[in-house]
């Protein structure tokens, strides 16, 4: 399942004209390679989920959820891969709507469900 998902992403990115490089057997190995290559090529490494600016940007999803709700908001369901999306949504929503007490997380690759309270 994971390989099929990665293959689909790979093909989609290549159709847009990019070169895809898969390195390592884990995210940590791939990230280490990406940082090294970015440094060697004098480029900027942009982390996919664990950087304050990325999390802040993901908070705009929470802003849209709050703005579009017609009634009270009790819970939000969020898919989780690296954690940036849920971190941004939760940070924004809890700031402007503290009565929201539950965020339901679904791990994207194996669909294990976790519940984060407050």
Foldseek 3Di string as FASTA:
>chain_A
DVVVVVVVVQVVVVVVPDDDDDDDDDPVRVLVVVVVVCVVVVHDDDDCAPDPVLLQVLLVVLVVVVVPDPDDDAEEEDEDAPCSNVSSNCVNCCVVPVNRFWYWYAHPPPRDIDIDGD
